[in-house]
C-alpha atoms as a PDB file:
ATOM      1  CA  ARG A   1      -0.098  -0.246   0.138  1.00  0.00           C
ATOM      2  CA  TRP A   2       2.506   2.487   1.089  1.00  0.00           C
ATOM      3  CA  GLN A   3       4.153   2.210  -2.726  1.00  0.00           C
ATOM      4  CA  LEU A   4       1.070   2.732  -4.242  1.00  0.00           C
ATOM      5  CA  GLU A   5       0.470   6.125  -2.101  1.00  0.00           C
ATOM      6  CA  GLN A   6       4.199   7.156  -3.181  1.00  0.00           C
ATOM      7  CA  THR A   7       3.462   6.651  -6.673  1.00  0.00           C
ATOM      8  CA  LEU A   8       0.323   8.290  -6.540  1.00  0.00           C
ATOM      9  CA  ARG A   9       2.134  10.944  -4.812  1.00  0.00           C
ATOM     10  CA  GLU A  10       4.548  11.371  -7.070  1.00  0.00           C
ATOM     11  CA  GLU A  11       2.352  11.399 -10.242  1.00  0.00           C
ATOM     12  CA  LEU A  12       0.273  14.072  -8.952  1.00  0.00           C
ATOM     13  CA  LYS A  13       2.973  16.270  -8.987  1.00  0.00           C
ATOM     14  CA  SER A  14       2.579  16.676 -12.671  1.00  0.00           C
ATOM     15  CA  LEU A  15      -0.817  18.330 -12.238  1.00  0.00           C
ATOM     16  CA  TRP A  16       0.778  21.519 -10.679  1.00  0.00           C
ATOM     17  CA  ALA A  17       1.561  22.588 -14.160  1.00  0.00           C
ATOM     18  CA  PHE A  18      -2.145  23.300 -15.191  1.00  0.00           C
ATOM     19  CA  PRO A  19      -3.318  26.802 -14.238  1.00  0.00           C
ATOM     20  CA  ASN A  20      -6.784  25.532 -12.913  1.00  0.00           C
ATOM     21  CA  VAL A  21      -5.322  23.440 -10.157  1.00  0.00           C
ATOM     22  CA  GLY A  22      -5.671  25.225  -7.245  1.00  0.00           C
ATOM     23  CA  ASP A  23      -4.673  22.533  -4.863  1.00  0.00           C
ATOM     24  CA  ILE A  24      -4.020  18.698  -4.367  1.00  0.00           C
ATOM     25  CA  ARG A  25      -4.609  17.163  -1.051  1.00  0.00           C
ATOM     26  CA  GLN A  26      -3.785  13.373  -0.595  1.00  0.00           C
ATOM     27  CA  VAL A  27      -4.342  11.157   2.733  1.00  0.00           C
ATOM     28  CA  GLY A  28      -3.011   7.960   1.905  1.00  0.00           C
ATOM     29  CA  LEU A  29      -4.712   6.713  -1.316  1.00  0.00           C
ATOM     30  CA  VAL A  30      -7.673   9.604  -1.088  1.00  0.00           C
ATOM     31  CA  VAL A  31      -6.899  12.166  -3.132  1.00  0.00           C
ATOM     32  CA  GLY A  32      -8.926  15.442  -3.334  1.00  0.00           C
ATOM     33  CA  VAL A  33      -7.747  17.928  -6.655  1.00  0.00           C
ATOM     34  CA  GLU A  34      -9.227  21.506  -6.479  1.00  0.00           C
ATOM     35  CA  LEU A  35     -10.250  23.140  -9.693  1.00  0.00           C
ATOM     36  CA  VAL A  36      -9.844  27.151 -10.034  1.00  0.00           C
ATOM     37  CA  LYS A  37     -10.213  29.532 -12.410  1.00  0.00           C
ATOM     38  CA  ASN A  38      -6.519  30.402 -11.681  1.00  0.00           C
ATOM     39  CA  TRP A  39      -4.182  29.263  -9.631  1.00  0.00           C
ATOM     40  CA  LYS A  40      -2.546  32.442  -8.844  1.00  0.00           C
ATOM     41  CA  THR A  41      -5.548  34.281  -7.387  1.00  0.00           C
ATOM     42  CA  LYS A  42      -7.190  30.583  -5.970  1.00  0.00           C
ATOM     43  CA  THR A  43     -10.751  32.272  -7.726  1.00  0.00           C
ATOM     44  CA  PRO A  44     -13.039  29.403  -7.235  1.00  0.00           C
ATOM     45  CA  PHE A  45     -15.600  28.001 -10.154  1.00  0.00           C
ATOM     46  CA  HIS A  46     -19.085  28.767  -9.389  1.00  0.00           C
ATOM     47  CA  LEU A  47     -21.285  25.624  -8.750  1.00  0.00           C
ATOM     48  CA  SER A  48     -23.514  26.418 -11.886  1.00  0.00           C
ATOM     49  CA  GLU A  49     -20.315  26.183 -14.194  1.00  0.00           C
ATOM     50  CA  ARG A  50     -19.949  22.830 -13.385  1.00  0.00           C
ATOM     51  CA  ALA A  51     -16.459  22.055 -13.628  1.00  0.00           C
ATOM     52  CA  GLY A  52     -16.091  19.416 -11.624  1.00  0.00           C
ATOM     53  CA  ILE A  53     -18.437  17.488 -13.311  1.00  0.00           C
ATOM     54  CA  ARG A  54     -17.639  18.407 -16.681  1.00  0.00           C
ATOM     55  CA  VAL A  55     -13.910  17.365 -16.112  1.00  0.00           C
ATOM     56  CA  CYS A  56     -15.213  13.826 -14.730  1.00  0.00           C
ATOM     57  CA  GLU A  57     -17.132  13.320 -17.581  1.00  0.00           C
ATOM     58  CA  ALA A  58     -14.430  13.805 -19.919  1.00  0.00           C
ATOM     59  CA  MET A  59     -12.195  10.969 -17.714  1.00  0.00           C
ATOM     60  CA  ALA A  60     -14.722   8.830 -18.123  1.00  0.00           C
ATOM     61  CA  LYS A  61     -14.442   8.931 -21.983  1.00  0.00           C
ATOM     62  CA  ARG A  62     -10.976   7.825 -21.203  1.00  0.00           C
ATOM     63  CA  GLY A  63     -11.914   5.040 -19.132  1.00  0.00           C
ATOM     64  CA  VAL A  64     -11.618   6.327 -15.726  1.00  0.00           C
ATOM     65  CA  LEU A  65     -14.665   6.755 -13.266  1.00  0.00           C
ATOM     66  CA  THR A  66     -14.446   9.341 -10.546  1.00  0.00           C
ATOM     67  CA  ARG A  67     -16.883  11.704  -9.187  1.00  0.00           C
ATOM     68  CA  PRO A  68     -16.640  15.376  -8.006  1.00  0.00           C
ATOM     69  CA  ILE A  69     -17.598  17.245  -4.866  1.00  0.00           C
ATOM     70  CA  GLY A  70     -18.323  20.916  -6.360  1.00  0.00           C
ATOM     71  CA  SER A  71     -14.962  21.718  -7.967  1.00  0.00           C
ATOM     72  CA  VAL A  72     -13.229  19.050  -6.552  1.00  0.00           C
ATOM     73  CA  VAL A  73     -12.156  16.094  -8.448  1.00  0.00           C
ATOM     74  CA  VAL A  74     -11.733  12.676  -6.017  1.00  0.00           C
ATOM     75  CA  LEU A  75      -9.505   9.924  -6.411  1.00  0.00           C
ATOM     76  CA  MET A  76      -9.970   6.969  -4.296  1.00  0.00           C
ATOM     77  CA  PRO A  77      -8.425   4.209  -6.202  1.00  0.00           C
ATOM     78  CA  PRO A  78      -8.615   0.613  -4.291  1.00  0.00           C
ATOM     79  CA  TYR A  79      -5.564  -1.196  -2.924  1.00  0.00           C
ATOM     80  CA  CYS A  80      -5.549  -3.592  -5.450  1.00  0.00           C
ATOM     81  CA  THR A  81      -4.956  -0.787  -7.938  1.00  0.00           C
ATOM     82  CA  THR A  82      -1.334  -1.172 -10.082  1.00  0.00           C
ATOM     83  CA  ARG A  83       1.088   1.464 -10.603  1.00  0.00           C
ATOM     84  CA  VAL A  84      -0.009   1.594 -14.501  1.00  0.00           C
ATOM     85  CA  GLN A  85      -3.479   2.462 -13.376  1.00  0.00           C
ATOM     86  CA  VAL A  86      -2.387   5.286 -11.178  1.00  0.00           C
ATOM     87  CA  ARG A  87      -0.385   6.645 -13.734  1.00  0.00           C
ATOM     88  CA  LYS A  88      -3.433   6.525 -16.257  1.00  0.00           C
ATOM     89  CA  MET A  89      -5.560   7.925 -13.709  1.00  0.00           C
ATOM     90  CA  VAL A  90      -3.614  10.795 -12.792  1.00  0.00           C
ATOM     91  CA  ARG A  91      -2.810  11.300 -16.648  1.00  0.00           C
ATOM     92  CA  SER A  92      -6.416  11.358 -17.618  1.00  0.00           C
ATOM     93  CA  LEU A  93      -7.251  13.877 -15.211  1.00  0.00           C
ATOM     94  CA  GLY A  94      -4.748  16.303 -16.343  1.00  0.00           C
ATOM     95  CA  GLU A  95      -5.749  15.646 -20.141  1.00  0.00           C
ATOM     96  CA  ALA A  96      -9.579  16.259 -18.963  1.00  0.00           C
ATOM     97  CA  VAL A  97      -8.584  19.852 -17.054  1.00  0.00           C
ATOM     98  CA  ALA A  98      -6.216  20.615 -20.497  1.00  0.00           C
ATOM     99  CA  GLU A  99      -9.599  19.866 -22.690  1.00  0.00           C
ATOM    100  CA  VAL A 100     -12.262  21.254 -20.489  1.00  0.00           C
ATOM    101  CA  LEU A 101     -11.020  24.377 -18.635  1.00  0.00           C
END
């Protein structure tokens, strides 16, 4: 489990390159990626903009199912997840953010 947490932590670092990622919070294998209009100002998306929902829909097209809580995309891979699958999850999230936002 520890190695999977570390792999996830390392892969998540790539998301800081996106201007719409305001924060990344991780406890174990539970991750919340906060989406914002601009990371410098941390201006939040209004719920009516459905930023989290739209990003999760784009991730689903890539074969990764997850859900948002408002503008926070939640990743909760099970312990049986492989490192390759973790990389795919995070890559899909980055691609979805770039596409949608």
